[in-house]
């Protein structure tokens, strides 16, 4: 007499369907790892894959769906398994708030520093393209250098000898950097003045740019902050109708 299969037993065809369904359900919650990433596995267990890219992302649930959120800019990206982690790496290379993008070269050296007592100490130094770029346009603003200084062969050769990893831009690049810096400082000044509850004294002054021989009128604000400290800052400036030269 043939025995009847119990409810705990599944025929061959049905078992295959159950296994396939379980596999499909499991794979929906797994993000596959691209080539070249680390793997870890225990004895007798299925190998679980890890990726260093997760150091820059966190998993979040948005409207009932799992997403991955960039720790730098906060953008939510897809966490579907078929996308893998390639799109996450691509985002890191273009993320505007990621200071250490994978494509950037970093060089670690030693530099000499000075302690509070005047002693010389040896410190670790890591080259940062953005820090060096900011120092370049800050120097140009401070000393009123012409924007064409970055096109001078001697200057480019000198910078290359100091730091070969530095990517020198053109005069258009440094112009954009200066205007971006100016707009940022302008927004900060506007917000700061809006939060100030004291009176502001406004003065005007005329000055001439040495490299252009053009006259400008500057508007400066003076006020006392909550710490009873004098604060002086430029509010606006514009070209004067007539050129005034320094005496």
Protein backbone atom coordinates (compact mmCIF):
# COMPACT_ATOMS: atom_id res chain seq x y z
CA UNK A 1 0.00 0.00 0.00
CA UNK A 2 1.52 3.27 -1.09
CA UNK A 3 2.00 5.79 1.67
CA UNK A 4 0.49 9.25 1.31
CA UNK A 5 2.98 12.13 1.59
CA UNK A 6 2.52 14.11 4.79
CA UNK A 7 1.90 17.84 4.79
CA UNK A 8 5.53 18.45 5.78
CA UNK A 9 6.79 16.70 2.67
CA UNK A 10 6.77 18.48 -0.69
CA UNK A 11 6.90 16.66 -4.04
CA UNK A 12 9.84 17.25 -6.29
CA UNK A 13 8.21 19.77 -8.62
CA UNK A 14 6.58 21.68 -5.77
CA UNK A 15 9.81 21.68 -3.77
CA UNK A 16 11.65 23.25 -6.68
CA UNK A 17 9.02 25.99 -6.88
CA UNK A 18 9.26 26.66 -3.14
CA UNK A 19 13.05 26.83 -3.26
CA UNK A 20 12.94 29.13 -6.28
CA UNK A 21 10.41 31.42 -4.58
CA UNK A 22 12.50 31.54 -1.43
CA UNK A 23 15.57 32.35 -3.49
CA UNK A 24 13.76 35.18 -5.30
CA UNK A 25 12.49 36.61 -2.02
CA UNK A 26 15.95 36.51 -0.49
CA UNK A 27 17.66 38.14 -3.45
CA UNK A 28 15.32 41.12 -3.33
CA UNK A 29 16.88 42.22 -0.03
CA UNK A 30 20.48 41.61 -1.06
CA UNK A 31 22.67 44.19 -2.78
CA UNK A 32 25.19 42.35 -4.94
CA UNK A 33 28.82 43.38 -4.67
CA UNK A 34 30.90 44.30 -7.68
CA UNK A 35 34.21 42.72 -8.55
CA UNK A 36 37.27 43.49 -6.48
CA UNK A 37 35.45 43.73 -3.13
CA UNK A 38 36.11 41.84 0.08
CA UNK A 39 34.30 38.64 1.06
CA UNK A 40 33.94 36.91 4.41
CA UNK A 41 32.43 33.53 5.21
CA UNK A 42 32.16 31.12 8.11
CA UNK A 43 32.55 27.34 7.87
CA UNK A 44 29.48 25.66 6.49
CA UNK A 45 27.72 28.97 5.84
CA UNK A 46 26.89 30.86 2.69
CA UNK A 47 29.57 33.43 1.92
CA UNK A 48 28.45 36.96 2.75
CA UNK A 49 29.91 39.80 0.75
CA UNK A 50 30.98 43.21 2.03
CA UNK A 51 32.00 46.39 0.25
CA UNK A 52 34.05 49.34 1.44
CA UNK A 53 31.59 51.62 -0.32
CA UNK A 54 29.19 51.17 2.62
CA UNK A 55 31.51 53.34 4.72
CA UNK A 56 30.01 56.33 2.87
CA UNK A 57 26.36 55.19 2.83
CA UNK A 58 23.62 54.19 5.28
CA UNK A 59 20.45 52.20 4.64
CA UNK A 60 17.19 54.09 5.18
CA UNK A 61 13.53 53.26 4.61
CA UNK A 62 11.65 55.81 2.49
CA UNK A 63 7.90 55.29 1.91
CA UNK A 64 8.23 51.61 2.73
CA UNK A 65 11.13 51.06 0.32
CA UNK A 66 14.78 50.57 1.25
CA UNK A 67 17.18 53.20 -0.01
CA UNK A 68 20.84 54.01 0.57
CA UNK A 69 21.67 57.53 1.77
CA UNK A 70 24.97 59.28 1.04
CA UNK A 71 26.65 60.40 4.28
CA UNK A 72 28.15 63.42 2.50
CA UNK A 73 25.31 65.06 0.55
CA UNK A 74 22.29 63.16 1.93
CA UNK A 75 21.05 62.00 -1.47
CA UNK A 76 18.98 58.81 -1.54
CA UNK A 77 19.94 56.16 -4.10
CA UNK A 78 18.41 52.88 -5.18
CA UNK A 79 19.07 49.76 -3.11
CA UNK A 80 17.66 47.22 -5.59
CA UNK A 81 19.88 44.17 -5.95
CA UNK A 82 20.20 44.39 -9.73
CA UNK A 83 21.90 47.78 -9.41
CA UNK A 84 24.79 46.37 -7.38
CA UNK A 85 27.19 48.91 -5.88
CA UNK A 86 28.58 50.34 -9.10
CA UNK A 87 26.14 53.27 -9.02
CA UNK A 88 27.20 54.00 -5.43
CA UNK A 89 30.85 54.24 -6.45
CA UNK A 90 29.89 56.43 -9.39
CA UNK A 91 28.04 58.79 -7.05
CA UNK A 92 31.07 59.09 -4.76
CA UNK A 93 33.26 60.21 -7.65
CA UNK A 94 30.87 63.08 -8.46
CA UNK A 95 29.50 63.93 -5.01
CA UNK A 96 30.19 67.67 -4.46
CA UNK A 97 30.51 67.26 -0.68
CA UNK A 98 32.85 64.28 -0.79
CA UNK A 99 36.24 65.84 -0.02
CA UNK A 100 38.11 62.58 -0.68
CA UNK A 101 36.72 61.35 -3.97
CA UNK A 102 38.18 58.08 -5.27
CA UNK A 103 39.55 59.82 -8.36
CA UNK A 104 41.58 62.35 -6.39
CA UNK A 105 45.22 61.62 -5.72
CA UNK A 106 46.41 61.94 -2.14
CA UNK A 107 50.02 62.11 -1.11
CA UNK A 108 51.18 61.65 2.46
CA UNK A 109 54.43 63.34 3.46
CA UNK A 110 56.10 64.79 6.50
CA UNK A 111 56.26 68.49 7.21
CA UNK A 112 57.86 70.63 9.89
CA UNK A 113 55.57 72.42 12.33
CA UNK A 114 56.15 74.77 15.25
CA UNK A 115 54.83 74.16 18.76
CA UNK A 116 53.61 76.83 21.18
CA UNK A 117 57.04 76.93 22.82
CA UNK A 118 58.76 77.53 19.49
CA UNK A 119 60.16 74.02 19.12
CA UNK A 120 60.17 72.35 15.71
CA UNK A 121 58.10 69.18 15.33
CA UNK A 122 57.57 66.70 12.49
CA UNK A 123 53.94 66.23 11.43
CA UNK A 124 52.07 64.11 8.89
CA UNK A 125 51.00 66.01 5.79
CA UNK A 126 48.28 64.92 3.36
CA UNK A 127 47.92 66.89 0.12
CA UNK A 128 44.40 68.17 -0.52
CA UNK A 129 43.58 69.62 -3.95
CA UNK A 130 40.68 71.73 -2.67
CA UNK A 131 42.73 73.27 0.16
CA UNK A 132 45.52 74.19 -2.25
CA UNK A 133 43.02 75.58 -4.75
CA UNK A 134 41.46 77.78 -2.07
CA UNK A 135 44.90 79.04 -1.03
CA UNK A 136 45.60 80.00 -4.65
CA UNK A 137 42.54 82.18 -5.18
CA UNK A 138 42.84 83.63 -1.66
CA UNK A 139 46.39 84.71 -2.49
CA UNK A 140 45.19 86.24 -5.75
CA UNK A 141 42.52 88.26 -3.93
CA UNK A 142 44.79 89.36 -1.09
CA UNK A 143 47.63 90.66 -3.25
CA UNK A 144 45.46 91.75 -6.21
CA UNK A 145 47.37 89.52 -8.60
CA UNK A 146 46.09 89.39 -12.19
CA UNK A 147 44.11 86.28 -13.04
CA UNK A 148 46.60 85.55 -15.81
CA UNK A 149 49.20 84.57 -13.18
CA UNK A 150 48.02 80.97 -13.46
CA UNK A 151 48.95 81.01 -17.16
CA UNK A 152 52.51 82.20 -16.57
CA UNK A 153 54.96 79.46 -17.47
CA UNK A 154 57.35 80.31 -14.65
CA UNK A 155 54.60 80.26 -12.01
CA UNK A 156 53.22 76.92 -13.22
CA UNK A 157 56.71 75.43 -13.22
CA UNK A 158 57.33 76.72 -9.69
CA UNK A 159 54.06 75.24 -8.35
CA UNK A 160 54.77 71.93 -10.09
CA UNK A 161 58.16 71.77 -8.38
CA UNK A 162 56.55 72.38 -4.99
CA UNK A 163 53.67 69.92 -5.42
CA UNK A 164 53.44 67.80 -8.60
CA UNK A 165 49.96 66.56 -7.64
CA UNK A 166 48.42 70.03 -7.77
CA UNK A 167 46.19 70.51 -10.82
CA UNK A 168 46.62 74.09 -12.02
CA UNK A 169 43.53 75.63 -13.62
CA UNK A 170 43.19 78.45 -16.12
CA UNK A 171 42.29 82.10 -15.54
CA UNK A 172 38.65 81.20 -16.17
CA UNK A 173 38.83 78.57 -13.45
CA UNK A 174 40.24 80.94 -10.86
CA UNK A 175 37.70 83.59 -11.89
CA UNK A 176 34.87 81.14 -11.18
CA UNK A 177 36.45 80.20 -7.85
CA UNK A 178 36.72 83.84 -6.79
CA UNK A 179 33.13 84.65 -7.80
CA UNK A 180 31.86 81.54 -6.01
CA UNK A 181 33.78 82.56 -2.89
CA UNK A 182 32.43 86.13 -3.17
CA UNK A 183 28.81 84.98 -3.45
CA UNK A 184 29.26 82.69 -0.45
CA UNK A 185 30.72 85.45 1.72
CA UNK A 186 27.97 87.81 0.56
CA UNK A 187 25.27 85.37 1.71
CA UNK A 188 27.01 84.94 5.05
CA UNK A 189 27.19 88.71 5.58
CA UNK A 190 23.51 89.15 4.71
CA UNK A 191 22.44 86.43 7.14
CA UNK A 192 24.72 87.82 9.84
CA UNK A 193 23.27 91.34 9.50
CA UNK A 194 19.71 89.99 9.58
CA UNK A 195 20.41 88.34 12.92
CA UNK A 196 22.04 91.45 14.39
CA UNK A 197 19.79 93.42 16.74
CA UNK A 198 22.01 96.48 17.08
CA UNK A 199 22.40 99.59 15.00
CA UNK A 200 24.88 99.61 12.14
CA UNK A 201 26.94 102.67 11.16
CA UNK A 202 27.61 102.84 7.43
CA UNK A 203 30.64 104.57 5.90
CA UNK A 204 31.92 104.89 2.35
CA UNK A 205 35.43 104.99 1.00
CA UNK A 206 37.18 105.25 -2.36
CA UNK A 207 40.08 103.07 -3.42
CA UNK A 208 41.92 102.15 -6.57
CA UNK A 209 42.87 98.67 -7.74
CA UNK A 210 46.62 98.62 -8.40
CA UNK A 211 46.50 96.12 -11.25
CA UNK A 212 43.65 97.80 -13.16
CA UNK A 213 43.99 101.48 -12.16
CA UNK A 214 40.24 101.65 -11.66
CA UNK A 215 38.42 103.47 -8.89
CA UNK A 216 35.85 101.80 -6.66
CA UNK A 217 33.50 102.95 -3.92
CA UNK A 218 33.23 100.61 -0.94
CA UNK A 219 30.42 100.58 1.65
CA UNK A 220 31.50 99.41 5.11
CA UNK A 221 29.36 98.55 8.14
CA UNK A 222 30.46 99.14 11.76
CA UNK A 223 28.62 97.85 14.83
CA UNK A 224 29.08 96.40 18.33
CA UNK A 225 28.16 92.74 18.71
CA UNK A 226 26.72 90.95 21.75
CA UNK A 227 30.24 90.50 23.16
CA UNK A 228 30.86 94.26 23.01
CA UNK A 229 33.40 93.82 20.25
CA UNK A 230 33.72 96.16 17.28
CA UNK A 231 32.82 94.40 14.04
CA UNK A 232 33.79 95.94 10.70
CA UNK A 233 32.81 94.38 7.40
CA UNK A 234 32.39 95.34 3.77
CA UNK A 235 28.75 95.45 2.72
CA UNK A 236 29.05 96.38 -0.95
CA UNK A 237 31.29 98.02 -3.49
CA UNK A 238 31.07 99.15 -7.07
CA UNK A 239 33.00 101.05 -9.75
CA UNK A 240 33.26 104.80 -9.24
CA UNK A 241 32.33 107.22 -12.01
CA UNK A 242 35.77 108.79 -11.86
CA UNK A 243 39.13 107.15 -11.27
CA UNK A 244 40.87 108.14 -8.05
CA UNK A 245 44.56 107.43 -7.70
CA UNK A 246 46.43 106.94 -4.48
CA UNK A 247 48.68 109.79 -3.38
